[in-house]
Protein backbone atom coordinates (compact mmCIF):
# COMPACT_ATOMS: atom_id res chain seq x y z
CA MET A 1 7.14 -6.29 -19.92
CA ASP A 2 4.73 -5.72 -17.05
CA PRO A 3 3.24 -2.23 -17.73
CA CYS A 4 3.47 -1.20 -14.07
CA HIS A 5 7.27 -1.40 -14.10
CA SER A 6 7.49 0.74 -17.21
CA ALA A 7 5.28 3.39 -15.59
CA TRP A 8 7.22 3.20 -12.32
CA ALA A 9 10.54 3.58 -14.15
CA ASP A 10 9.20 6.66 -15.95
CA TRP A 11 8.05 8.13 -12.63
CA ALA A 12 11.39 7.53 -10.95
CA CYS A 13 13.33 8.98 -13.88
CA GLU A 14 11.16 12.10 -13.78
CA ARG A 15 12.09 12.61 -10.13
CA TRP A 16 15.82 12.68 -10.82
CA SER A 17 15.64 14.24 -14.28
CA GLY A 18 18.48 16.70 -14.83
CA ASP A 19 20.65 15.30 -12.04
CA GLN A 20 23.00 13.18 -14.18
CA VAL A 21 21.74 9.80 -12.98
CA HIS A 22 23.46 7.02 -14.92
CA ARG A 23 24.22 4.14 -12.54
CA VAL A 24 21.38 2.58 -10.54
CA LEU A 25 21.16 -0.21 -7.97
CA ASP A 26 17.93 -2.24 -8.19
CA VAL A 27 17.39 -3.64 -4.69
CA CYS A 28 15.23 -6.78 -4.32
CA CYS A 29 15.22 -6.92 -8.12
CA GLY A 30 13.41 -10.28 -8.28
CA THR A 31 12.93 -11.46 -11.84
CA GLY A 32 14.46 -8.28 -13.26
CA LEU A 33 11.39 -6.50 -14.61
CA MET A 34 12.28 -3.13 -13.05
CA THR A 35 15.93 -3.66 -13.96
CA GLN A 36 14.90 -4.09 -17.59
CA ALA A 37 12.60 -1.07 -17.51
CA LEU A 38 15.42 1.14 -16.19
CA MET A 39 17.87 -0.27 -18.72
CA ASP A 40 15.39 0.52 -21.50
CA ARG A 41 15.72 4.15 -20.43
CA GLY A 42 19.48 4.11 -20.97
CA LEU A 43 20.59 3.49 -17.40
CA ASP A 44 23.41 1.22 -16.23
CA VAL A 45 21.71 -1.03 -13.67
CA VAL A 46 23.03 -3.56 -11.15
CA GLY A 47 20.47 -5.93 -9.62
CA VAL A 48 20.62 -7.56 -6.20
CA ASP A 49 18.25 -10.09 -4.64
CA ALA A 50 18.26 -12.69 -1.87
CA SER A 51 16.57 -15.36 -4.04
CA ALA A 52 18.81 -17.40 -6.31
CA SER A 53 15.79 -18.74 -8.21
CA MET A 54 14.52 -15.21 -8.89
CA LEU A 55 17.95 -14.15 -10.11
CA ALA A 56 18.05 -17.15 -12.44
CA ARG A 57 14.82 -15.93 -14.04
CA ALA A 58 16.24 -12.40 -14.19
CA ARG A 59 19.31 -13.76 -15.98
CA VAL A 60 17.10 -15.30 -18.68
CA LEU A 61 15.33 -11.96 -19.15
CA LEU A 62 18.36 -9.69 -18.99
CA GLY A 63 21.13 -11.76 -20.58
CA ASP A 64 24.66 -12.42 -19.44
CA ASP A 65 26.04 -8.88 -19.57
CA VAL A 66 23.96 -7.42 -16.74
CA LEU A 67 25.51 -7.49 -13.26
CA LEU A 68 23.32 -9.45 -10.84
CA GLU A 69 24.36 -10.16 -7.27
CA HIS A 70 22.98 -12.76 -4.86
CA ALA A 71 22.85 -10.99 -1.49
CA ALA A 72 20.37 -10.42 1.32
CA LEU A 73 19.43 -7.30 3.20
CA PRO A 74 19.91 -5.71 5.64
CA GLU A 75 23.63 -5.94 4.98
CA LEU A 76 25.14 -5.72 1.51
CA PRO A 77 28.49 -7.42 1.00
CA ALA A 78 31.47 -5.24 0.17
CA GLY A 79 33.09 -5.53 -3.20
CA VAL A 80 32.18 -5.31 -6.86
CA PRO A 81 29.50 -4.88 -8.08
CA LEU A 82 27.75 -3.47 -5.00
CA ASP A 83 30.31 -0.95 -3.74
CA GLY A 84 29.08 1.93 -5.87
CA PRO A 85 28.95 4.79 -5.81
CA PHE A 86 25.52 4.70 -7.44
CA ASP A 87 23.62 7.74 -8.60
CA ALA A 88 20.37 6.16 -7.45
CA ALA A 89 18.89 3.04 -5.87
CA VAL A 90 15.35 1.71 -6.26
CA SER A 91 13.30 -0.99 -4.54
CA THR A 92 9.84 -1.84 -5.85
CA LEU A 93 6.92 -4.16 -5.14
CA ASP A 94 7.24 -3.90 -1.35
CA GLY A 95 10.62 -5.61 -1.18
CA LEU A 96 11.59 -3.65 1.93
CA ASN A 97 8.41 -4.72 3.73
CA TYR A 98 10.07 -8.09 4.36
CA LEU A 99 12.42 -6.35 6.82
CA SER A 100 11.65 -5.79 10.48
CA LEU A 101 12.08 -2.20 11.64
CA PRO A 102 15.63 -2.75 13.00
CA ASP A 103 16.58 -4.47 9.74
CA LEU A 104 14.98 -1.68 7.69
CA ARG A 105 17.09 0.87 9.58
CA ALA A 106 20.21 -1.19 8.89
CA ALA A 107 19.32 -1.64 5.22
CA LEU A 108 18.77 2.08 4.68
CA GLY A 109 22.11 2.72 6.32
CA ALA A 110 23.81 0.20 4.04
CA LEU A 111 22.17 1.68 0.94
CA ALA A 112 23.20 5.19 1.97
CA THR A 113 26.86 4.13 1.90
CA ARG A 114 26.43 3.00 -1.72
CA LEU A 115 25.08 6.34 -2.96
CA ARG A 116 27.07 9.33 -4.09
CA PRO A 117 26.40 12.62 -2.30
CA GLY A 118 23.00 13.78 -3.47
CA GLY A 119 22.19 10.29 -4.77
CA TRP A 120 18.57 9.20 -4.92
CA LEU A 121 16.64 6.44 -3.18
CA VAL A 122 13.18 5.53 -4.50
CA PHE A 123 11.25 2.74 -2.82
CA ASP A 124 7.72 1.66 -2.00
CA LEU A 125 6.19 0.26 1.16
CA HIS A 126 2.77 -0.96 2.25
CA ALA A 127 0.85 1.83 3.96
CA ASP A 128 -1.47 1.58 6.98
CA ALA A 129 -4.50 0.79 4.82
CA ALA A 130 -2.78 -2.41 3.66
CA LEU A 131 -2.53 -3.58 7.26
CA ASP A 132 -6.20 -2.77 7.79
CA LEU A 133 -7.14 -4.67 4.63
CA LEU A 134 -5.28 -7.80 5.69
CA ARG A 135 -6.65 -7.66 9.24
CA ASP A 136 -10.23 -7.17 8.10
CA ASN A 137 -9.99 -9.77 5.33
CA PRO A 138 -8.00 -12.65 6.81
CA VAL A 139 -9.02 -14.98 3.97
CA LEU A 140 -9.03 -13.96 0.32
CA GLU A 141 -9.80 -16.53 -2.36
CA GLY A 142 -10.73 -16.74 -5.99
CA GLN A 143 -10.29 -18.51 -9.26
CA ASP A 144 -8.75 -17.44 -12.54
CA ASP A 145 -8.63 -19.53 -15.69
CA GLY A 146 -8.88 -22.82 -13.81
CA THR A 147 -6.40 -21.85 -11.09
CA ARG A 148 -7.72 -21.47 -7.54
CA PHE A 149 -5.91 -19.36 -4.98
CA VAL A 150 -6.38 -18.81 -1.25
CA LEU A 151 -4.54 -16.19 0.83
CA ARG A 152 -4.70 -16.50 4.62
CA SER A 153 -3.30 -13.57 6.60
CA PHE A 154 -2.44 -13.37 10.30
CA VAL A 155 -1.83 -9.84 11.61
CA ASP A 156 -0.02 -8.97 14.84
CA ASP A 157 -0.93 -5.35 15.52
CA ALA A 158 1.64 -4.97 18.31
CA THR A 159 4.55 -5.62 15.94
CA ARG A 160 2.78 -4.54 12.70
CA ARG A 161 3.76 -7.97 11.38
CA CYS A 162 1.68 -9.95 8.90
CA VAL A 163 2.14 -13.60 7.95
CA THR A 164 0.40 -14.52 4.70
CA VAL A 165 0.11 -18.11 3.52
CA ILE A 166 -0.57 -18.44 -0.22
CA ASP A 167 -2.02 -21.68 -1.57
CA LEU A 168 -2.37 -21.98 -5.33
CA VAL A 169 -4.04 -25.01 -6.90
CA ALA A 170 -3.57 -25.23 -10.67
CA ALA A 171 -5.01 -27.63 -13.23
CA ASP A 172 -1.50 -29.02 -13.63
CA PRO A 173 -0.30 -30.19 -10.19
CA ALA A 174 3.24 -29.21 -11.17
CA ASP A 175 2.14 -25.55 -11.18
CA SER A 176 0.54 -25.71 -7.72
CA PHE A 177 2.39 -24.36 -4.71
CA SER A 178 2.10 -23.16 -1.14
CA GLU A 179 4.32 -20.46 0.34
CA GLU A 180 4.53 -18.20 3.37
CA HIS A 181 5.35 -14.50 3.33
CA VAL A 182 6.26 -12.50 6.44
CA GLN A 183 6.03 -8.73 6.04
CA TYR A 184 5.97 -5.64 8.25
CA VAL A 185 3.84 -2.56 7.63
CA HIS A 186 6.00 0.22 9.04
CA ALA A 187 4.53 3.37 10.53
CA GLU A 188 5.32 6.49 8.50
CA ALA A 189 7.01 8.16 11.47
CA ASP A 190 9.34 5.18 11.88
CA VAL A 191 10.35 5.27 8.21
CA ARG A 192 11.00 9.00 8.37
CA ALA A 193 13.23 8.51 11.43
CA ALA A 194 15.10 5.62 9.77
CA LEU A 195 15.82 7.73 6.69
CA SER A 196 17.08 10.61 8.81
CA ASP A 197 19.32 8.34 10.87
CA ALA A 198 20.82 6.97 7.62
CA GLY A 199 21.68 10.48 6.43
CA LEU A 200 18.93 10.48 3.81
CA GLY A 201 16.81 13.58 3.39
CA LEU A 202 13.15 12.94 2.59
CA VAL A 203 11.99 14.48 -0.67
CA SER A 204 8.44 13.11 -0.81
CA VAL A 205 6.08 10.35 0.23
CA THR A 206 3.11 9.91 -2.11
CA ASP A 207 0.41 7.51 -3.19
CA GLU A 208 1.80 4.67 -5.33
CA TYR A 209 4.08 6.24 -7.97
CA THR A 210 1.99 9.38 -8.36
CA ASP A 211 2.30 12.94 -7.13
CA GLU A 212 -0.87 12.54 -5.04
CA PRO A 213 -0.49 12.74 -1.25
CA VAL A 214 -0.85 9.66 0.93
CA THR A 215 -4.38 9.31 2.31
CA ALA A 216 -6.15 6.91 4.67
CA SER A 217 -6.97 4.69 1.67
CA THR A 218 -3.42 4.48 0.28
CA LEU A 219 -2.31 0.85 0.09
CA ARG A 220 1.22 1.43 -1.21
CA ALA A 221 3.27 4.56 -0.56
CA THR A 222 6.24 5.63 -2.65
CA TRP A 223 9.16 7.23 -0.83
CA VAL A 224 11.82 9.43 -2.41
CA ALA A 225 14.92 10.48 -0.50
CA ARG A 226 18.40 11.81 -1.28
CA LEU A 227 21.72 11.30 0.46
CA VAL A 228 22.49 14.51 2.30
CA GLU A 229 25.55 16.22 0.83
CA SER A 230 28.17 16.98 3.47
């Protein structure tokens, strides 16, 4: 198990401790590492991801009894197992950064409908310093154990959009690959407004899964919100 997911699961569970959280939706669950970490803490977790290949790897890790759904944000299909209500939803490793601002607003609205009143939403997003890092370092490269990697980033400041092309050259050509990632680094004010519009009350925004405030050097911010009880 990747140690960061274990620490992040502990941090999230501390936030909602005492609030009878049992059922959790893991959004953009990928290979299931956060799903597993939450399950290890006694939670009933449903995973959802847009990548069938990632879900196949999650299935190997998690086994056949865990509910995994192939679906893409910003909309979530109606029906079991995604209808909820869930006591909490989480999204880690910048999964929501792949959404444009209109799609992020729609996704938060869709997630809000899956939460019970008072239900929790914990997610992380790149902060402004991440955009600065990519703009100021358009090419990052290195080598690790015979594998060479090159990351080329193209930042559009007007849209806060970043296209990153990753080229990995391994000793075994079968392990080499090239892929493109398109992400958006959303302004904090825009995220706050999107949460409010979705009926989610902001609890905190802090430096990556800590209780420390966001600063100018924060690369990843962790957001905690709750569905406003009517």
